[in-house]
């Protein structure tokens, strides 16, 4: 071998050794995640859905539960990605979460079922979330036991309803109905209006027997009126059977709230790949349709509703005539502290 060839061979050997030493060559694919940590409402997703996803993806899904929307916001603003890969929140907080850089953009190339199947009208901060379920929050009452006819929120503070009401809780559910009853914007940021709403809610609170468990409290006769989510109303109507006396209060002018529960990926999440697989999976029409059998809330996934059962499609809990007269929870920015202060006063009975 002549000197030129020998030199070329030696250079090639040195190059190969150098590439091996510094990790040269084709990059290895990162290992797929096998664990997914989700923070969300309790009793709000099918065990079968979770089990099927685990089996299909050879992974373990760990569910942790919140008791209030404020819990989710606290997790997100305190570095939620250190513990969770998906956190459930609602449309009222998305603007602030994005502005505060607490959530990360979703790669929708990995979640094509969401963009294909979810109605365009039901997104909030589309790059950063996937809508899960939605719910009308309205008044339902038993026409045989309720002492008055209810046609608007103002009726809920009628002294005749003392000890008659079961209610959902939360500042951003309660204050809007008070504001509407007083003729104000349900998303007001004016402290004077929020203060008036607090006084209205004191009267409302005097009529409330219990917060939470609305469907149980009306089926067991504890209350005759509930301010509740459509899914809860569905359970109550189903439990009482076809000849029940429950009606959705036919509001004459007051709008009802339509809220959305959304999944977001917190900044710093460890298992983004599996999180996006999960988001794509729950948007499969047949998967979500099966989930709706157990959790019959309104659904933003049009394709899932199309293949859902007739029982779901014909559910009387979603059969009311003023669905267009709705309002959404808007992000109230820094005014949320005003709401929270008055809400805490309401809870401790000041």
C-alpha atoms as a PDB file:
ATOM      1  CA  UNK A   1       0.000   0.000   0.000  1.00  0.00           C
ATOM      2  CA  UNK A   2       1.491   3.350  -1.015  1.00  0.00           C
ATOM      3  CA  UNK A   3       1.813   6.228   1.405  1.00  0.00           C
ATOM      4  CA  UNK A   4      -1.187   8.168  -0.024  1.00  0.00           C
ATOM      5  CA  UNK A   5      -3.534   5.203   0.427  1.00  0.00           C
ATOM      6  CA  UNK A   6      -2.210   4.458   3.888  1.00  0.00           C
ATOM      7  CA  UNK A   7      -2.772   8.064   4.928  1.00  0.00           C
ATOM      8  CA  UNK A   8      -6.346   7.977   3.609  1.00  0.00           C
ATOM      9  CA  UNK A   9      -7.102   4.750   5.521  1.00  0.00           C
ATOM     10  CA  UNK A  10      -5.668   6.175   8.740  1.00  0.00           C
ATOM     11  CA  UNK A  11      -7.734   9.350   8.363  1.00  0.00           C
ATOM     12  CA  UNK A  12     -10.875   7.279   7.829  1.00  0.00           C
ATOM     13  CA  UNK A  13     -10.181   5.215  10.953  1.00  0.00           C
ATOM     14  CA  UNK A  14      -9.597   8.364  13.003  1.00  0.00           C
ATOM     15  CA  UNK A  15     -12.856   9.893  11.690  1.00  0.00           C
ATOM     16  CA  UNK A  16     -14.878   6.755  12.496  1.00  0.00           C
ATOM     17  CA  UNK A  17     -13.407   6.618  16.001  1.00  0.00           C
ATOM     18  CA  UNK A  18     -14.111  10.289  16.506  1.00  0.00           C
ATOM     19  CA  UNK A  19     -17.756   9.957  15.410  1.00  0.00           C
ATOM     20  CA  UNK A  20     -18.243   6.968  17.691  1.00  0.00           C
ATOM     21  CA  UNK A  21     -16.732   8.839  20.631  1.00  0.00           C
ATOM     22  CA  UNK A  22     -19.006  11.872  20.241  1.00  0.00           C
ATOM     23  CA  UNK A  23     -22.190   9.972  19.387  1.00  0.00           C
ATOM     24  CA  UNK A  24     -22.057  10.408  15.632  1.00  0.00           C
ATOM     25  CA  UNK A  25     -24.251   8.524  13.225  1.00  0.00           C
ATOM     26  CA  UNK A  26     -28.043   8.267  13.139  1.00  0.00           C
ATOM     27  CA  UNK A  27     -29.804   9.820  16.123  1.00  0.00           C
ATOM     28  CA  UNK A  28     -31.699   7.366  18.296  1.00  0.00           C
ATOM     29  CA  UNK A  29     -35.449   7.805  18.638  1.00  0.00           C
ATOM     30  CA  UNK A  30     -36.441   8.905  22.148  1.00  0.00           C
ATOM     31  CA  UNK A  31     -38.155   6.198  24.156  1.00  0.00           C
ATOM     32  CA  UNK A  32     -41.933   6.463  24.197  1.00  0.00           C
ATOM     33  CA  UNK A  33     -43.452   7.479  27.500  1.00  0.00           C
ATOM     34  CA  UNK A  34     -45.180   4.742  29.486  1.00  0.00           C
ATOM     35  CA  UNK A  35     -46.783   6.879  32.203  1.00  0.00           C
ATOM     36  CA  UNK A  36     -49.338   9.685  31.951  1.00  0.00           C
ATOM     37  CA  UNK A  37     -50.327  11.913  34.871  1.00  0.00           C
ATOM     38  CA  UNK A  38     -53.678  13.730  34.635  1.00  0.00           C
ATOM     39  CA  UNK A  39     -55.291  16.233  37.019  1.00  0.00           C
ATOM     40  CA  UNK A  40     -59.036  16.666  36.496  1.00  0.00           C
ATOM     41  CA  UNK A  41     -62.538  16.457  37.992  1.00  0.00           C
ATOM     42  CA  UNK A  42     -63.455  13.220  39.748  1.00  0.00           C
ATOM     43  CA  UNK A  43     -66.076  10.918  38.197  1.00  0.00           C
ATOM     44  CA  UNK A  44     -65.846  12.672  34.853  1.00  0.00           C
ATOM     45  CA  UNK A  45     -64.299  10.100  32.519  1.00  0.00           C
ATOM     46  CA  UNK A  46     -65.066   6.459  31.842  1.00  0.00           C
ATOM     47  CA  UNK A  47     -62.907   3.808  33.519  1.00  0.00           C
ATOM     48  CA  UNK A  48     -63.280   1.762  30.337  1.00  0.00           C
ATOM     49  CA  UNK A  49     -61.886   4.626  28.238  1.00  0.00           C
ATOM     50  CA  UNK A  50     -58.839   4.842  30.497  1.00  0.00           C
ATOM     51  CA  UNK A  51     -58.306   1.079  30.526  1.00  0.00           C
ATOM     52  CA  UNK A  52     -58.551   0.827  26.732  1.00  0.00           C
ATOM     53  CA  UNK A  53     -56.065   3.660  26.260  1.00  0.00           C
ATOM     54  CA  UNK A  54     -53.635   1.993  28.660  1.00  0.00           C
ATOM     55  CA  UNK A  55     -53.917  -1.316  26.811  1.00  0.00           C
ATOM     56  CA  UNK A  56     -53.467   0.228  23.373  1.00  0.00           C
ATOM     57  CA  UNK A  57     -50.441   2.279  24.418  1.00  0.00           C
ATOM     58  CA  UNK A  58     -48.816  -0.071  26.936  1.00  0.00           C
ATOM     59  CA  UNK A  59     -48.874   2.629  29.580  1.00  0.00           C
ATOM     60  CA  UNK A  60     -50.220   3.570  32.991  1.00  0.00           C
ATOM     61  CA  UNK A  61     -52.590   6.523  33.458  1.00  0.00           C
ATOM     62  CA  UNK A  62     -52.517   8.118  36.898  1.00  0.00           C
ATOM     63  CA  UNK A  63     -55.578  10.253  37.690  1.00  0.00           C
ATOM     64  CA  UNK A  64     -55.569  12.871  40.443  1.00  0.00           C
ATOM     65  CA  UNK A  65     -58.622  14.925  41.277  1.00  0.00           C
ATOM     66  CA  UNK A  66     -59.448  18.567  41.899  1.00  0.00           C
ATOM     67  CA  UNK A  67     -62.282  19.881  44.050  1.00  0.00           C
ATOM     68  CA  UNK A  68     -62.549  23.298  42.409  1.00  0.00           C
ATOM     69  CA  UNK A  69     -61.349  25.138  39.306  1.00  0.00           C
ATOM     70  CA  UNK A  70     -59.111  27.160  41.600  1.00  0.00           C
ATOM     71  CA  UNK A  71     -57.190  23.957  42.395  1.00  0.00           C
ATOM     72  CA  UNK A  72     -56.286  23.508  38.737  1.00  0.00           C
ATOM     73  CA  UNK A  73     -55.197  27.136  38.390  1.00  0.00           C
ATOM     74  CA  UNK A  74     -53.012  26.807  41.473  1.00  0.00           C
ATOM     75  CA  UNK A  75     -51.366  23.710  40.010  1.00  0.00           C
ATOM     76  CA  UNK A  76     -50.761  25.395  36.662  1.00  0.00           C
ATOM     77  CA  UNK A  77     -49.321  28.620  38.064  1.00  0.00           C
ATOM     78  CA  UNK A  78     -47.101  26.748  40.514  1.00  0.00           C
ATOM     79  CA  UNK A  79     -45.303  24.731  37.831  1.00  0.00           C
ATOM     80  CA  UNK A  80     -47.839  22.006  37.089  1.00  0.00           C
ATOM     81  CA  UNK A  81     -45.547  20.290  34.601  1.00  0.00           C
ATOM     82  CA  UNK A  82     -43.439  18.985  37.481  1.00  0.00           C
ATOM     83  CA  UNK A  83     -46.310  16.695  38.479  1.00  0.00           C
ATOM     84  CA  UNK A  84     -48.753  16.445  35.584  1.00  0.00           C
ATOM     85  CA  UNK A  85     -48.845  15.984  31.830  1.00  0.00           C
ATOM     86  CA  UNK A  86     -52.466  17.087  31.398  1.00  0.00           C
ATOM     87  CA  UNK A  87     -54.522  19.414  33.583  1.00  0.00           C
ATOM     88  CA  UNK A  88     -58.218  20.141  33.155  1.00  0.00           C
ATOM     89  CA  UNK A  89     -59.316  23.771  33.305  1.00  0.00           C
ATOM     90  CA  UNK A  90     -62.131  25.821  31.784  1.00  0.00           C
ATOM     91  CA  UNK A  91     -62.579  28.517  29.169  1.00  0.00           C
ATOM     92  CA  UNK A  92     -62.740  31.298  31.762  1.00  0.00           C
ATOM     93  CA  UNK A  93     -59.016  31.077  32.506  1.00  0.00           C
ATOM     94  CA  UNK A  94     -57.386  30.306  29.162  1.00  0.00           C
ATOM     95  CA  UNK A  95     -56.428  33.856  28.217  1.00  0.00           C
ATOM     96  CA  UNK A  96     -54.516  34.410  31.463  1.00  0.00           C
ATOM     97  CA  UNK A  97     -52.889  30.969  31.357  1.00  0.00           C
ATOM     98  CA  UNK A  98     -51.530  31.586  27.876  1.00  0.00           C
ATOM     99  CA  UNK A  99     -50.410  35.126  28.709  1.00  0.00           C
ATOM    100  CA  UNK A 100     -48.641  33.874  31.817  1.00  0.00           C
ATOM    101  CA  UNK A 101     -46.811  31.170  29.848  1.00  0.00           C
ATOM    102  CA  UNK A 102     -48.194  28.423  32.087  1.00  0.00           C
ATOM    103  CA  UNK A 103     -49.319  26.121  29.269  1.00  0.00           C
ATOM    104  CA  UNK A 104     -47.556  24.950  26.161  1.00  0.00           C
ATOM    105  CA  UNK A 105     -48.729  24.817  22.589  1.00  0.00           C
ATOM    106  CA  UNK A 106     -50.063  21.479  21.401  1.00  0.00           C
ATOM    107  CA  UNK A 107     -48.682  19.895  18.245  1.00  0.00           C
ATOM    108  CA  UNK A 108     -51.957  19.234  16.452  1.00  0.00           C
ATOM    109  CA  UNK A 109     -50.160  17.142  13.836  1.00  0.00           C
ATOM    110  CA  UNK A 110     -50.267  14.569  16.626  1.00  0.00           C
ATOM    111  CA  UNK A 111     -53.915  15.303  17.526  1.00  0.00           C
ATOM    112  CA  UNK A 112     -55.705  15.287  14.140  1.00  0.00           C
ATOM    113  CA  UNK A 113     -58.958  13.921  15.591  1.00  0.00           C
ATOM    114  CA  UNK A 114     -59.438  17.103  17.608  1.00  0.00           C
ATOM    115  CA  UNK A 115     -59.268  19.496  14.693  1.00  0.00           C
ATOM    116  CA  UNK A 116     -61.318  17.174  12.496  1.00  0.00           C
ATOM    117  CA  UNK A 117     -64.164  16.483  14.924  1.00  0.00           C
ATOM    118  CA  UNK A 118     -64.561  19.319  17.423  1.00  0.00           C
ATOM    119  CA  UNK A 119     -66.899  22.121  16.430  1.00  0.00           C
ATOM    120  CA  UNK A 120     -65.028  25.344  15.610  1.00  0.00           C
ATOM    121  CA  UNK A 121     -67.389  27.346  17.853  1.00  0.00           C
ATOM    122  CA  UNK A 122     -66.220  25.532  20.983  1.00  0.00           C
ATOM    123  CA  UNK A 123     -62.507  26.306  21.128  1.00  0.00           C
ATOM    124  CA  UNK A 124     -60.734  28.733  23.457  1.00  0.00           C
ATOM    125  CA  UNK A 125     -57.081  29.597  22.768  1.00  0.00           C
ATOM    126  CA  UNK A 126     -57.083  26.851  20.150  1.00  0.00           C
ATOM    127  CA  UNK A 127     -53.328  26.293  19.967  1.00  0.00           C
ATOM    128  CA  UNK A 128     -53.154  25.454  23.666  1.00  0.00           C
ATOM    129  CA  UNK A 129     -56.098  23.233  24.564  1.00  0.00           C
ATOM    130  CA  UNK A 130     -58.463  20.462  23.526  1.00  0.00           C
ATOM    131  CA  UNK A 131     -62.133  20.795  24.593  1.00  0.00           C
ATOM    132  CA  UNK A 132     -63.381  17.717  26.475  1.00  0.00           C
ATOM    133  CA  UNK A 133     -67.026  18.222  27.493  1.00  0.00           C
ATOM    134  CA  UNK A 134     -69.266  21.249  27.898  1.00  0.00           C
ATOM    135  CA  UNK A 135     -72.289  21.962  30.015  1.00  0.00           C
ATOM    136  CA  UNK A 136     -75.263  24.236  30.157  1.00  0.00           C
ATOM    137  CA  UNK A 137     -75.775  25.448  33.735  1.00  0.00           C
ATOM    138  CA  UNK A 138     -79.437  26.056  34.314  1.00  0.00           C
ATOM    139  CA  UNK A 139     -82.312  25.730  36.782  1.00  0.00           C
ATOM    140  CA  UNK A 140     -84.362  22.544  37.068  1.00  0.00           C
ATOM    141  CA  UNK A 141     -87.340  22.188  39.374  1.00  0.00           C
ATOM    142  CA  UNK A 142     -89.990  19.693  40.401  1.00  0.00           C
ATOM    143  CA  UNK A 143     -93.346  21.066  39.291  1.00  0.00           C
ATOM    144  CA  UNK A 144     -95.178  19.071  41.990  1.00  0.00           C
ATOM    145  CA  UNK A 145     -93.057  20.133  44.961  1.00  0.00           C
ATOM    146  CA  UNK A 146     -91.668  23.571  44.081  1.00  0.00           C
ATOM    147  CA  UNK A 147     -93.850  26.295  45.661  1.00  0.00           C
ATOM    148  CA  UNK A 148     -93.394  28.787  42.803  1.00  0.00           C
ATOM    149  CA  UNK A 149     -92.938  28.881  39.047  1.00  0.00           C
ATOM    150  CA  UNK A 150     -89.380  29.825  38.081  1.00  0.00           C
ATOM    151  CA  UNK A 151     -88.854  31.977  34.997  1.00  0.00           C
ATOM    152  CA  UNK A 152     -85.597  33.780  35.815  1.00  0.00           C
ATOM    153  CA  UNK A 153     -82.709  33.977  38.264  1.00  0.00           C
ATOM    154  CA  UNK A 154     -84.488  36.568  40.417  1.00  0.00           C
ATOM    155  CA  UNK A 155     -86.989  33.911  41.434  1.00  0.00           C
ATOM    156  CA  UNK A 156     -84.187  32.028  43.199  1.00  0.00           C
ATOM    157  CA  UNK A 157     -84.055  34.625  45.983  1.00  0.00           C
ATOM    158  CA  UNK A 158     -87.801  34.455  46.624  1.00  0.00           C
ATOM    159  CA  UNK A 159     -88.276  33.670  50.358  1.00  0.00           C
ATOM    160  CA  UNK A 160     -90.771  30.979  49.313  1.00  0.00           C
ATOM    161  CA  UNK A 161     -87.758  28.886  48.230  1.00  0.00           C
ATOM    162  CA  UNK A 162     -86.116  28.870  51.657  1.00  0.00           C
ATOM    163  CA  UNK A 163     -84.637  25.399  52.144  1.00  0.00           C
ATOM    164  CA  UNK A 164     -85.651  24.335  48.648  1.00  0.00           C
ATOM    165  CA  UNK A 165     -82.510  24.814  46.512  1.00  0.00           C
ATOM    166  CA  UNK A 166     -79.547  22.566  45.740  1.00  0.00           C
ATOM    167  CA  UNK A 167     -76.753  24.284  43.832  1.00  0.00           C
ATOM    168  CA  UNK A 168     -73.458  23.872  42.060  1.00  0.00           C
ATOM    169  CA  UNK A 169     -70.680  25.911  43.619  1.00  0.00           C
ATOM    170  CA  UNK A 170     -67.793  28.108  42.529  1.00  0.00           C
ATOM    171  CA  UNK A 171     -67.312  31.850  42.203  1.00  0.00           C
ATOM    172  CA  UNK A 172     -67.439  31.839  38.413  1.00  0.00           C
ATOM    173  CA  UNK A 173     -70.683  29.857  38.383  1.00  0.00           C
ATOM    174  CA  UNK A 174     -72.548  31.746  41.097  1.00  0.00           C
ATOM    175  CA  UNK A 175     -71.611  35.386  40.545  1.00  0.00           C
ATOM    176  CA  UNK A 176     -72.664  35.454  36.863  1.00  0.00           C
ATOM    177  CA  UNK A 177     -76.275  34.519  37.662  1.00  0.00           C
ATOM    178  CA  UNK A 178     -76.404  37.236  40.327  1.00  0.00           C
ATOM    179  CA  UNK A 179     -75.002  39.769  37.875  1.00  0.00           C
ATOM    180  CA  UNK A 180     -77.553  38.776  35.224  1.00  0.00           C
ATOM    181  CA  UNK A 181     -80.382  39.030  37.765  1.00  0.00           C
ATOM    182  CA  UNK A 182     -79.209  42.561  38.589  1.00  0.00           C
ATOM    183  CA  UNK A 183     -79.019  43.572  34.930  1.00  0.00           C
ATOM    184  CA  UNK A 184     -75.223  43.538  34.679  1.00  0.00           C
ATOM    185  CA  UNK A 185     -72.708  41.837  32.404  1.00  0.00           C
ATOM    186  CA  UNK A 186     -72.192  38.269  33.725  1.00  0.00           C
ATOM    187  CA  UNK A 187     -68.448  38.826  33.241  1.00  0.00           C
ATOM    188  CA  UNK A 188     -68.342  42.244  34.906  1.00  0.00           C
ATOM    189  CA  UNK A 189     -65.012  43.535  36.188  1.00  0.00           C
ATOM    190  CA  UNK A 190     -66.564  46.435  38.153  1.00  0.00           C
ATOM    191  CA  UNK A 191     -66.113  45.948  41.889  1.00  0.00           C
ATOM    192  CA  UNK A 192     -69.303  47.879  42.713  1.00  0.00           C
ATOM    193  CA  UNK A 193     -71.335  45.463  40.546  1.00  0.00           C
ATOM    194  CA  UNK A 194     -69.573  42.408  41.970  1.00  0.00           C
ATOM    195  CA  UNK A 195     -70.310  43.741  45.467  1.00  0.00           C
ATOM    196  CA  UNK A 196     -74.012  44.006  44.602  1.00  0.00           C
ATOM    197  CA  UNK A 197     -73.890  40.478  43.233  1.00  0.00           C
ATOM    198  CA  UNK A 198     -72.428  39.344  46.549  1.00  0.00           C
ATOM    199  CA  UNK A 199     -75.406  40.824  48.409  1.00  0.00           C
ATOM    200  CA  UNK A 200     -77.782  39.042  46.010  1.00  0.00           C
ATOM    201  CA  UNK A 201     -75.935  35.777  46.627  1.00  0.00           C
ATOM    202  CA  UNK A 202     -76.316  36.189  50.375  1.00  0.00           C
ATOM    203  CA  UNK A 203     -80.085  36.000  49.820  1.00  0.00           C
ATOM    204  CA  UNK A 204     -79.628  33.091  47.421  1.00  0.00           C
ATOM    205  CA  UNK A 205     -77.438  31.326  49.963  1.00  0.00           C
ATOM    206  CA  UNK A 206     -80.240  31.584  52.521  1.00  0.00           C
ATOM    207  CA  UNK A 207     -82.430  29.454  50.231  1.00  0.00           C
ATOM    208  CA  UNK A 208     -79.732  26.861  49.477  1.00  0.00           C
ATOM    209  CA  UNK A 209     -79.767  23.610  51.451  1.00  0.00           C
ATOM    210  CA  UNK A 210     -76.577  22.176  49.962  1.00  0.00           C
ATOM    211  CA  UNK A 211     -73.878  22.888  47.411  1.00  0.00           C
ATOM    212  CA  UNK A 212     -72.879  19.917  45.288  1.00  0.00           C
ATOM    213  CA  UNK A 213     -74.674  16.605  44.785  1.00  0.00           C
ATOM    214  CA  UNK A 214     -77.529  18.381  43.035  1.00  0.00           C
ATOM    215  CA  UNK A 215     -78.811  15.318  41.193  1.00  0.00           C
ATOM    216  CA  UNK A 216     -78.945  13.271  44.403  1.00  0.00           C
ATOM    217  CA  UNK A 217     -80.601  15.998  46.424  1.00  0.00           C
ATOM    218  CA  UNK A 218     -83.479  16.415  44.002  1.00  0.00           C
ATOM    219  CA  UNK A 219     -84.039  12.694  43.429  1.00  0.00           C
ATOM    220  CA  UNK A 220     -84.154  11.920  47.157  1.00  0.00           C
ATOM    221  CA  UNK A 221     -86.528  14.800  47.853  1.00  0.00           C
ATOM    222  CA  UNK A 222     -84.146  16.976  49.855  1.00  0.00           C
ATOM    223  CA  UNK A 223     -84.766  19.915  47.502  1.00  0.00           C
ATOM    224  CA  UNK A 224     -87.299  20.844  44.853  1.00  0.00           C
ATOM    225  CA  UNK A 225     -85.032  23.140  42.817  1.00  0.00           C
ATOM    226  CA  UNK A 226     -81.493  22.707  41.518  1.00  0.00           C
ATOM    227  CA  UNK A 227     -79.090  25.071  39.787  1.00  0.00           C
ATOM    228  CA  UNK A 228     -77.002  22.480  38.006  1.00  0.00           C
ATOM    229  CA  UNK A 229     -75.121  21.152  34.976  1.00  0.00           C
ATOM    230  CA  UNK A 230     -77.002  19.470  32.162  1.00  0.00           C
ATOM    231  CA  UNK A 231     -75.239  16.160  32.790  1.00  0.00           C
ATOM    232  CA  UNK A 232     -76.385  16.159  36.411  1.00  0.00           C
ATOM    233  CA  UNK A 233     -79.920  16.989  35.321  1.00  0.00           C
ATOM    234  CA  UNK A 234     -79.753  14.060  32.904  1.00  0.00           C
ATOM    235  CA  UNK A 235     -78.851  11.652  35.704  1.00  0.00           C
ATOM    236  CA  UNK A 236     -81.702  12.966  37.875  1.00  0.00           C
ATOM    237  CA  UNK A 237     -84.287  12.657  35.103  1.00  0.00           C
ATOM    238  CA  UNK A 238     -83.096   9.173  34.242  1.00  0.00           C
ATOM    239  CA  UNK A 239     -83.138   8.062  37.879  1.00  0.00           C
ATOM    240  CA  UNK A 240     -86.707   9.275  38.381  1.00  0.00           C
ATOM    241  CA  UNK A 241     -87.941   7.679  35.156  1.00  0.00           C
ATOM    242  CA  UNK A 242     -90.070   8.861  32.280  1.00  0.00           C
ATOM    243  CA  UNK A 243     -92.928  10.161  34.404  1.00  0.00           C
ATOM    244  CA  UNK A 244     -90.800  12.468  36.565  1.00  0.00           C
ATOM    245  CA  UNK A 245     -91.973  16.003  37.295  1.00  0.00           C
ATOM    246  CA  UNK A 246     -88.646  17.708  36.589  1.00  0.00           C
ATOM    247  CA  UNK A 247     -88.583  20.553  34.090  1.00  0.00           C
ATOM    248  CA  UNK A 248     -85.863  22.894  32.907  1.00  0.00           C
ATOM    249  CA  UNK A 249     -87.002  26.339  34.029  1.00  0.00           C
ATOM    250  CA  UNK A 250     -88.297  28.155  30.923  1.00  0.00           C
ATOM    251  CA  UNK A 251     -86.442  31.426  31.354  1.00  0.00           C
ATOM    252  CA  UNK A 252     -88.203  34.298  29.622  1.00  0.00           C
ATOM    253  CA  UNK A 253     -85.154  36.499  29.061  1.00  0.00           C
ATOM    254  CA  UNK A 254     -82.209  35.559  31.297  1.00  0.00           C
ATOM    255  CA  UNK A 255     -79.378  33.799  29.443  1.00  0.00           C
ATOM    256  CA  UNK A 256     -77.918  30.553  30.757  1.00  0.00           C
ATOM    257  CA  UNK A 257     -74.247  29.795  31.083  1.00  0.00           C
ATOM    258  CA  UNK A 258     -72.470  27.465  28.688  1.00  0.00           C
ATOM    259  CA  UNK A 259     -69.089  26.368  29.992  1.00  0.00           C
ATOM    260  CA  UNK A 260     -66.284  24.219  28.589  1.00  0.00           C
ATOM    261  CA  UNK A 261     -63.874  21.882  30.318  1.00  0.00           C
ATOM    262  CA  UNK A 262     -60.553  21.730  28.506  1.00  0.00           C
ATOM    263  CA  UNK A 263     -57.343  19.754  28.700  1.00  0.00           C
ATOM    264  CA  UNK A 264     -54.066  21.692  28.624  1.00  0.00           C
ATOM    265  CA  UNK A 265     -50.447  20.558  28.741  1.00  0.00           C
ATOM    266  CA  UNK A 266     -48.622  22.470  31.497  1.00  0.00           C
ATOM    267  CA  UNK A 267     -45.225  23.947  30.776  1.00  0.00           C
ATOM    268  CA  UNK A 268     -42.477  21.446  31.542  1.00  0.00           C
ATOM    269  CA  UNK A 269     -44.654  18.337  31.261  1.00  0.00           C
ATOM    270  CA  UNK A 270     -42.522  15.199  31.111  1.00  0.00           C
ATOM    271  CA  UNK A 271     -44.683  12.999  28.881  1.00  0.00           C
ATOM    272  CA  UNK A 272     -45.926  15.244  26.108  1.00  0.00           C
ATOM    273  CA  UNK A 273     -45.887  12.456  23.543  1.00  0.00           C
ATOM    274  CA  UNK A 274     -48.326  10.359  25.548  1.00  0.00           C
ATOM    275  CA  UNK A 275     -50.403  13.398  26.468  1.00  0.00           C
ATOM    276  CA  UNK A 276     -50.978  14.182  22.789  1.00  0.00           C
ATOM    277  CA  UNK A 277     -51.812  10.532  22.081  1.00  0.00           C
ATOM    278  CA  UNK A 278     -54.422  10.688  24.828  1.00  0.00           C
ATOM    279  CA  UNK A 279     -55.933  13.908  23.473  1.00  0.00           C
ATOM    280  CA  UNK A 280     -56.163  12.350  20.039  1.00  0.00           C
ATOM    281  CA  UNK A 281     -57.717   9.166  21.472  1.00  0.00           C
ATOM    282  CA  UNK A 282     -60.535  10.887  23.373  1.00  0.00           C
ATOM    283  CA  UNK A 283     -61.503  12.695  20.162  1.00  0.00           C
ATOM    284  CA  UNK A 284     -62.148   9.436  18.282  1.00  0.00           C
ATOM    285  CA  UNK A 285     -65.923   9.623  17.671  1.00  0.00           C
ATOM    286  CA  UNK A 286     -66.719   6.109  18.866  1.00  0.00           C
ATOM    287  CA  UNK A 287     -64.535   6.498  21.962  1.00  0.00           C
ATOM    288  CA  UNK A 288     -66.196   9.741  23.030  1.00  0.00           C
ATOM    289  CA  UNK A 289     -69.670   8.437  22.146  1.00  0.00           C
ATOM    290  CA  UNK A 290     -69.153   5.515  24.535  1.00  0.00           C
ATOM    291  CA  UNK A 291     -67.932   7.937  27.200  1.00  0.00           C
ATOM    292  CA  UNK A 292     -71.122   9.993  26.818  1.00  0.00           C
ATOM    293  CA  UNK A 293     -73.226   6.998  27.854  1.00  0.00           C
ATOM    294  CA  UNK A 294     -71.760   7.278  31.335  1.00  0.00           C
ATOM    295  CA  UNK A 295     -71.251  11.040  31.393  1.00  0.00           C
ATOM    296  CA  UNK A 296     -74.164  12.543  29.423  1.00  0.00           C
ATOM    297  CA  UNK A 297     -73.002  16.148  29.283  1.00  0.00           C
ATOM    298  CA  UNK A 298     -73.170  18.274  26.156  1.00  0.00           C
ATOM    299  CA  UNK A 299     -70.312  17.475  23.832  1.00  0.00           C
ATOM    300  CA  UNK A 300     -68.301  19.736  21.492  1.00  0.00           C
ATOM    301  CA  UNK A 301     -67.274  16.749  19.345  1.00  0.00           C
ATOM    302  CA  UNK A 302     -69.837  16.804  16.530  1.00  0.00           C
ATOM    303  CA  UNK A 303     -68.635  13.500  15.079  1.00  0.00           C
ATOM    304  CA  UNK A 304     -69.063  11.772  18.456  1.00  0.00           C
ATOM    305  CA  UNK A 305     -72.580  13.153  18.885  1.00  0.00           C
ATOM    306  CA  UNK A 306     -73.449  11.876  15.394  1.00  0.00           C
ATOM    307  CA  UNK A 307     -72.601   8.284  16.355  1.00  0.00           C
ATOM    308  CA  UNK A 308     -73.911   8.495  19.940  1.00  0.00           C
ATOM    309  CA  UNK A 309     -76.909   6.450  21.055  1.00  0.00           C
ATOM    310  CA  UNK A 310     -80.472   7.599  20.539  1.00  0.00           C
ATOM    311  CA  UNK A 311     -80.789   7.784  24.328  1.00  0.00           C
ATOM    312  CA  UNK A 312     -78.067  10.411  24.406  1.00  0.00           C
ATOM    313  CA  UNK A 313     -79.341  12.290  21.371  1.00  0.00           C
ATOM    314  CA  UNK A 314     -82.898  12.442  22.730  1.00  0.00           C
ATOM    315  CA  UNK A 315     -81.938  13.257  26.315  1.00  0.00           C
ATOM    316  CA  UNK A 316     -84.553  15.685  27.744  1.00  0.00           C
ATOM    317  CA  UNK A 317     -81.827  17.351  29.808  1.00  0.00           C
ATOM    318  CA  UNK A 318     -80.601  18.995  26.611  1.00  0.00           C
ATOM    319  CA  UNK A 319     -84.018  19.543  25.061  1.00  0.00           C
ATOM    320  CA  UNK A 320     -84.900  23.145  25.840  1.00  0.00           C
ATOM    321  CA  UNK A 321     -85.846  26.067  23.693  1.00  0.00           C
ATOM    322  CA  UNK A 322     -83.386  28.820  24.568  1.00  0.00           C
ATOM    323  CA  UNK A 323     -80.021  27.291  23.746  1.00  0.00           C
ATOM    324  CA  UNK A 324     -79.103  30.340  21.695  1.00  0.00           C
ATOM    325  CA  UNK A 325     -79.623  32.605  24.699  1.00  0.00           C
ATOM    326  CA  UNK A 326     -76.357  31.751  26.428  1.00  0.00           C
ATOM    327  CA  UNK A 327     -73.326  33.479  27.842  1.00  0.00           C
ATOM    328  CA  UNK A 328     -69.786  32.192  28.211  1.00  0.00           C
ATOM    329  CA  UNK A 329     -67.368  32.633  31.051  1.00  0.00           C
ATOM    330  CA  UNK A 330     -64.809  35.177  29.904  1.00  0.00           C
ATOM    331  CA  UNK A 331     -61.401  35.721  31.426  1.00  0.00           C
ATOM    332  CA  UNK A 332     -61.864  38.629  33.835  1.00  0.00           C
ATOM    333  CA  UNK A 333     -58.131  39.176  34.326  1.00  0.00           C
ATOM    334  CA  UNK A 334     -57.070  40.802  37.584  1.00  0.00           C
ATOM    335  CA  UNK A 335     -60.716  41.167  38.634  1.00  0.00           C
ATOM    336  CA  UNK A 336     -60.635  37.478  39.557  1.00  0.00           C
ATOM    337  CA  UNK A 337     -59.137  38.522  42.899  1.00  0.00           C
ATOM    338  CA  UNK A 338     -62.238  40.663  43.566  1.00  0.00           C
ATOM    339  CA  UNK A 339     -64.488  37.705  42.786  1.00  0.00           C
ATOM    340  CA  UNK A 340     -62.449  35.410  45.015  1.00  0.00           C
ATOM    341  CA  UNK A 341     -62.508  37.854  47.927  1.00  0.00           C
ATOM    342  CA  UNK A 342     -66.300  38.198  47.836  1.00  0.00           C
ATOM    343  CA  UNK A 343     -66.711  34.465  47.266  1.00  0.00           C
ATOM    344  CA  UNK A 344     -64.709  33.725  50.407  1.00  0.00           C
ATOM    345  CA  UNK A 345     -66.918  36.164  52.330  1.00  0.00           C
ATOM    346  CA  UNK A 346     -69.963  34.327  51.027  1.00  0.00           C
ATOM    347  CA  UNK A 347     -68.584  30.966  52.105  1.00  0.00           C
ATOM    348  CA  UNK A 348     -67.784  32.034  55.662  1.00  0.00           C
ATOM    349  CA  UNK A 349     -71.067  33.869  56.021  1.00  0.00           C
ATOM    350  CA  UNK A 350     -69.728  37.383  56.612  1.00  0.00           C
END
